[in-house]
N, C-alpha and C. Protein backbone atom coordinates (compact mmCIF):
# COMPACT_ATOMS: atom_id res chain seq x y z
N MET A 1 198.80 57.46 126.81
CA MET A 1 199.20 58.00 128.67
C MET A 1 198.73 57.00 129.69
N ARG A 2 197.57 56.52 129.52
CA ARG A 2 196.70 55.81 130.47
C ARG A 2 197.20 54.48 130.48
N TYR A 3 197.71 53.96 129.73
CA TYR A 3 198.78 52.50 129.66
C TYR A 3 199.77 52.72 130.53
N LYS A 4 200.34 53.36 129.86
CA LYS A 4 201.57 53.76 130.15
C LYS A 4 201.74 53.88 131.88
N VAL A 5 200.47 54.20 132.52
CA VAL A 5 200.20 54.50 133.91
C VAL A 5 199.81 53.06 134.18
N THR A 6 199.19 52.71 133.88
CA THR A 6 198.85 51.46 134.25
C THR A 6 199.81 50.16 134.29
N PHE A 7 200.58 50.21 133.23
CA PHE A 7 201.74 49.36 133.27
C PHE A 7 202.79 50.12 134.48
N VAL A 8 203.19 51.15 134.45
CA VAL A 8 203.53 51.33 135.87
C VAL A 8 203.46 51.18 137.50
N VAL A 9 202.13 50.84 137.41
CA VAL A 9 201.78 50.63 138.68
C VAL A 9 201.16 49.40 138.85
N GLY A 10 201.20 48.56 137.46
CA GLY A 10 200.96 47.52 137.88
C GLY A 10 202.79 46.75 138.12
N LEU A 11 203.87 47.15 137.37
CA LEU A 11 204.87 47.49 137.86
C LEU A 11 205.28 46.89 139.42
N ALA A 12 204.44 48.06 139.42
CA ALA A 12 205.79 48.46 140.95
C ALA A 12 204.62 47.50 142.23
N LEU A 13 203.13 46.95 141.41
CA LEU A 13 202.48 46.40 142.65
C LEU A 13 203.19 44.83 142.45
N GLY A 14 202.99 44.46 141.20
CA GLY A 14 204.58 43.52 141.63
C GLY A 14 205.62 43.23 142.64
N TYR A 15 206.07 44.46 141.92
CA TYR A 15 207.16 44.33 142.65
C TYR A 15 206.82 44.22 144.54
N VAL A 16 205.87 45.40 144.74
CA VAL A 16 206.14 45.26 146.21
C VAL A 16 204.98 43.79 146.59
N LEU A 17 204.45 42.96 145.83
CA LEU A 17 203.77 41.68 146.58
C LEU A 17 205.27 40.82 146.35
N GLY A 18 205.91 40.99 144.80
CA GLY A 18 206.71 39.47 145.00
C GLY A 18 208.43 40.04 145.18
N THR A 19 208.08 40.85 146.17
CA THR A 19 210.15 41.27 146.57
C THR A 19 210.49 40.48 147.55
N ARG A 20 211.68 39.44 147.75
CA ARG A 20 212.29 39.35 148.30
C ARG A 20 213.17 39.79 149.57
N ALA A 21 212.87 41.18 149.58
CA ALA A 21 214.02 41.77 150.18
C ALA A 21 213.99 42.31 151.40
N GLY A 22 212.28 41.50 151.72
CA GLY A 22 212.05 41.93 153.39
C GLY A 22 210.82 42.80 154.00
N ARG A 23 211.08 42.58 154.70
CA ARG A 23 210.01 44.08 155.22
C ARG A 23 210.22 45.56 155.19
N GLU A 24 212.05 45.24 155.17
CA GLU A 24 212.18 46.99 155.70
C GLU A 24 212.24 47.40 153.71
N ARG A 25 212.23 46.54 153.07
CA ARG A 25 212.64 47.32 151.85
C ARG A 25 210.79 47.84 151.70
N TYR A 26 209.65 46.90 152.05
CA TYR A 26 208.37 47.42 151.97
C TYR A 26 208.19 48.67 152.35
N GLU A 27 208.67 49.05 153.94
CA GLU A 27 208.57 49.73 154.38
C GLU A 27 208.95 51.28 153.76
N GLN A 28 210.32 50.72 153.14
CA GLN A 28 210.19 52.02 152.15
C GLN A 28 210.03 52.25 151.00
N LEU A 29 209.57 51.56 150.72
CA LEU A 29 208.63 52.21 149.22
C LEU A 29 207.32 52.27 149.51
N LYS A 30 206.80 51.86 150.80
CA LYS A 30 205.45 52.12 151.49
C LYS A 30 205.33 54.31 151.45
N LYS A 31 206.44 54.24 152.53
CA LYS A 31 207.09 55.86 152.77
C LYS A 31 207.04 56.48 151.67
N SER A 32 207.22 56.02 150.82
CA SER A 32 207.89 56.47 149.41
C SER A 32 206.48 57.20 148.54
N ALA A 33 205.69 55.69 148.11
CA ALA A 33 204.33 56.13 148.19
C ALA A 33 203.43 56.77 148.82
N ARG A 34 203.39 57.08 149.91
CA ARG A 34 202.97 58.06 151.42
C ARG A 34 203.16 59.12 150.41
N GLN A 35 204.38 59.47 150.96
CA GLN A 35 204.79 61.03 149.97
C GLN A 35 204.93 61.44 149.05
N ILE A 36 204.64 60.53 147.81
CA ILE A 36 204.49 61.18 146.59
C ILE A 36 202.45 61.33 146.41
N ALA A 37 201.84 60.74 147.49
CA ALA A 37 200.45 60.77 147.31
C ALA A 37 199.83 62.23 148.05
N GLN A 38 200.61 62.58 149.14
CA GLN A 38 200.32 63.85 150.19
C GLN A 38 200.90 64.65 149.20
N ASN A 39 201.73 64.68 147.74
CA ASN A 39 202.57 65.74 147.54
C ASN A 39 201.56 66.77 146.58
N PRO A 40 201.88 67.79 147.16
CA PRO A 40 200.47 69.29 146.42
C PRO A 40 200.48 69.01 145.40
N ALA A 41 201.46 69.34 144.47
CA ALA A 41 201.52 68.88 143.12
C ALA A 41 200.72 67.69 142.99
N VAL A 42 201.75 66.75 143.36
CA VAL A 42 200.09 65.18 142.49
C VAL A 42 199.10 65.40 142.94
N ARG A 43 198.76 65.97 143.89
CA ARG A 43 197.10 65.88 144.44
C ARG A 43 196.24 66.68 143.41
N ASN A 44 197.31 67.65 143.31
CA ASN A 44 196.09 69.03 142.42
C ASN A 44 195.92 68.31 141.18
N ALA A 45 197.04 67.05 140.65
CA ALA A 45 197.16 67.17 139.60
C ALA A 45 196.15 65.95 139.59
N ALA A 46 195.53 64.91 140.54
CA ALA A 46 194.53 64.24 140.84
C ALA A 46 193.41 64.98 140.43
N GLU A 47 192.96 65.83 141.42
CA GLU A 47 192.28 66.60 141.23
C GLU A 47 191.53 67.23 139.78
N THR A 48 192.06 67.92 139.70
CA THR A 48 192.26 68.90 138.05
C THR A 48 192.17 67.36 136.71
N ALA A 49 192.54 66.15 136.99
CA ALA A 49 191.80 64.78 136.47
C ALA A 49 190.65 64.48 136.81
N GLY A 50 189.89 63.98 137.69
CA GLY A 50 188.68 64.09 138.08
C GLY A 50 187.56 65.17 138.07
N HIS A 51 188.47 66.79 138.11
CA HIS A 51 187.22 67.55 137.72
C HIS A 51 187.53 67.46 135.60
N THR A 52 188.22 67.33 135.26
CA THR A 52 188.09 67.17 133.65
C THR A 52 187.29 66.09 133.58
N GLY A 53 187.67 65.01 133.99
CA GLY A 53 186.55 63.53 133.89
C GLY A 53 185.19 63.68 134.27
N ARG A 54 185.08 64.27 135.24
CA ARG A 54 183.67 64.69 135.31
C ARG A 54 183.11 65.79 134.28
N GLU A 55 183.12 66.69 133.66
CA GLU A 55 183.59 67.66 132.35
C GLU A 55 182.80 66.97 131.78
N TYR A 56 183.83 66.60 130.82
CA TYR A 56 183.73 65.45 129.96
C TYR A 56 182.81 64.35 129.73
N ALA A 57 182.21 63.89 131.15
CA ALA A 57 181.43 63.18 131.71
C ALA A 57 180.04 63.53 131.30
N GLY A 58 179.98 64.79 131.23
CA GLY A 58 178.49 65.78 131.74
C GLY A 58 178.27 65.67 130.30
N LYS A 59 179.80 66.05 128.92
CA LYS A 59 179.19 66.44 127.65
C LYS A 59 178.50 65.45 126.79
N ALA A 60 179.63 64.15 127.62
CA ALA A 60 179.22 63.14 126.41
C ALA A 60 177.64 62.82 126.89
N PHE A 61 177.27 62.76 128.60
CA PHE A 61 176.02 62.53 128.15
C PHE A 61 174.98 63.53 127.76
N ALA A 62 175.69 64.52 127.92
CA ALA A 62 174.51 65.49 126.85
C ALA A 62 174.29 65.16 125.53
N ALA A 63 175.24 64.73 125.22
CA ALA A 63 175.78 64.41 123.20
C ALA A 63 174.72 63.07 123.59
N VAL A 64 174.78 62.28 124.03
CA VAL A 64 174.45 60.72 124.02
C VAL A 64 172.49 61.12 124.03
N SER A 65 172.76 61.70 124.84
CA SER A 65 171.13 61.69 125.00
C SER A 65 170.84 63.12 124.24
N GLU A 66 171.31 63.62 123.62
CA GLU A 66 170.69 64.57 122.73
C GLU A 66 169.99 63.61 121.51
N LYS A 67 171.06 62.60 120.86
CA LYS A 67 170.64 61.47 119.96
C LYS A 67 169.67 59.96 120.53
N VAL A 68 169.55 60.09 121.49
CA VAL A 68 169.51 58.65 121.64
C VAL A 68 167.80 59.46 122.57
N GLY A 69 167.60 59.95 122.84
CA GLY A 69 166.76 60.32 123.96
C GLY A 69 166.29 59.79 125.40
N ASP A 70 165.06 59.49 125.23
CA ASP A 70 164.22 58.86 126.11
C ASP A 70 164.87 57.51 127.29
N ALA A 71 165.73 57.02 126.01
CA ALA A 71 166.12 55.26 126.28
C ALA A 71 167.46 55.41 126.94
N VAL A 72 168.03 56.53 127.48
CA VAL A 72 169.33 56.88 128.95
C VAL A 72 168.08 56.53 130.11
N PRO A 73 168.77 55.57 130.98
CA PRO A 73 167.68 54.72 131.38
C PRO A 73 168.22 56.46 132.98
N ASP A 74 167.20 55.79 133.89
CA ASP A 74 167.07 56.79 134.75
C ASP A 74 167.90 56.77 135.72
N SER A 75 168.65 55.32 136.11
CA SER A 75 169.76 55.75 136.94
C SER A 75 171.01 56.52 136.64
N LEU A 76 171.03 55.79 135.14
CA LEU A 76 172.33 56.56 134.29
C LEU A 76 172.08 57.89 135.01
N ALA A 77 171.03 58.80 134.14
CA ALA A 77 171.34 59.88 134.50
C ALA A 77 171.38 60.96 135.96
N GLU A 78 170.88 59.97 136.46
CA GLU A 78 170.93 60.97 138.04
C GLU A 78 172.63 60.21 137.99
N ARG A 79 173.05 59.93 138.20
CA ARG A 79 174.70 59.54 138.26
C ARG A 79 175.26 60.49 137.22
N VAL A 80 175.41 60.77 135.86
CA VAL A 80 176.13 61.91 135.87
C VAL A 80 175.59 62.92 135.90
N ARG A 81 174.55 63.20 136.87
CA ARG A 81 173.70 64.08 137.21
C ARG A 81 175.13 64.69 138.89
N GLY A 82 174.42 63.37 139.43
CA GLY A 82 175.61 63.31 140.55
C GLY A 82 177.54 64.26 140.40
N LEU A 83 177.09 63.52 138.83
CA LEU A 83 178.82 63.76 139.27
C LEU A 83 178.57 65.48 138.58
N ARG A 84 178.39 65.89 138.01
CA ARG A 84 178.90 67.18 137.48
C ARG A 84 178.48 68.24 138.82
N GLY A 85 177.37 67.75 140.28
CA GLY A 85 177.78 68.22 140.90
C GLY A 85 178.28 68.24 142.04
N ARG A 86 179.41 67.26 141.79
CA ARG A 86 180.65 67.39 143.15
C ARG A 86 181.61 68.40 142.74
N THR A 87 182.32 68.14 144.20
CA THR A 87 183.42 69.34 144.26
C THR A 87 184.50 68.87 144.56
N GLY A 88 185.53 68.55 143.93
CA GLY A 88 186.31 67.80 144.32
C GLY A 88 187.58 68.30 145.56
N GLY A 89 186.97 69.52 145.64
CA GLY A 89 188.13 70.13 146.65
C GLY A 89 187.89 69.80 147.59
N GLN A 90 186.73 69.29 148.53
CA GLN A 90 186.06 69.28 149.40
C GLN A 90 186.66 68.02 151.16
N ALA A 91 187.35 68.61 151.86
CA ALA A 91 187.68 67.46 152.90
C ALA A 91 186.19 66.37 152.98
N GLY A 92 187.12 65.12 153.03
CA GLY A 92 186.21 64.06 153.26
C GLY A 92 185.33 63.50 152.20
N ASP A 93 185.72 64.14 150.97
CA ASP A 93 184.75 63.89 149.70
C ASP A 93 185.86 63.75 148.43
N ASP A 94 187.17 62.64 149.10
CA ASP A 94 188.46 62.72 148.93
C ASP A 94 188.07 61.15 148.23
N GLU A 95 188.48 60.66 147.29
CA GLU A 95 188.08 59.08 146.91
C GLU A 95 189.70 58.81 146.01
N TRP A 96 190.48 58.79 146.55
CA TRP A 96 192.17 59.15 145.77
C TRP A 96 193.03 58.87 147.00
N GLY A 97 192.27 58.61 148.18
CA GLY A 97 192.96 58.27 149.45
C GLY A 97 193.93 58.73 149.66
N THR A 98 194.22 60.59 149.75
CA THR A 98 195.11 61.20 150.16
C THR A 98 194.34 62.15 150.98
N SER A 99 193.39 61.93 151.84
CA SER A 99 192.90 63.46 152.93
C SER A 99 193.81 63.18 153.29
N ASN A 100 193.43 64.48 153.97
CA ASN A 100 194.73 64.76 155.58
C ASN A 100 194.22 64.51 156.55
N THR A 101 193.64 63.10 157.05
CA THR A 101 192.81 62.47 158.03
C THR A 101 193.95 61.68 158.53
């Protein structure tokens, strides 16, 4: 699934950068992308994916740290702890570019 999404994003980016349809078509595509990004269903899916990713990162860190013990660098441990403590739904803390501001 990840490869399909990457392919579609690459295809869309290539089309936008390579199009000869002019500024009008570019503005239409930009408006459509903005509407999709602001769709509540898309925002919820992105938030859920981020939350799930952070959850799995924490589980993976716990499993790896059990096996390797103190060999996990402190910088990595702090980064994972930071991911665990984040709440994706707060205003201003949105890395998906879909904030309401």
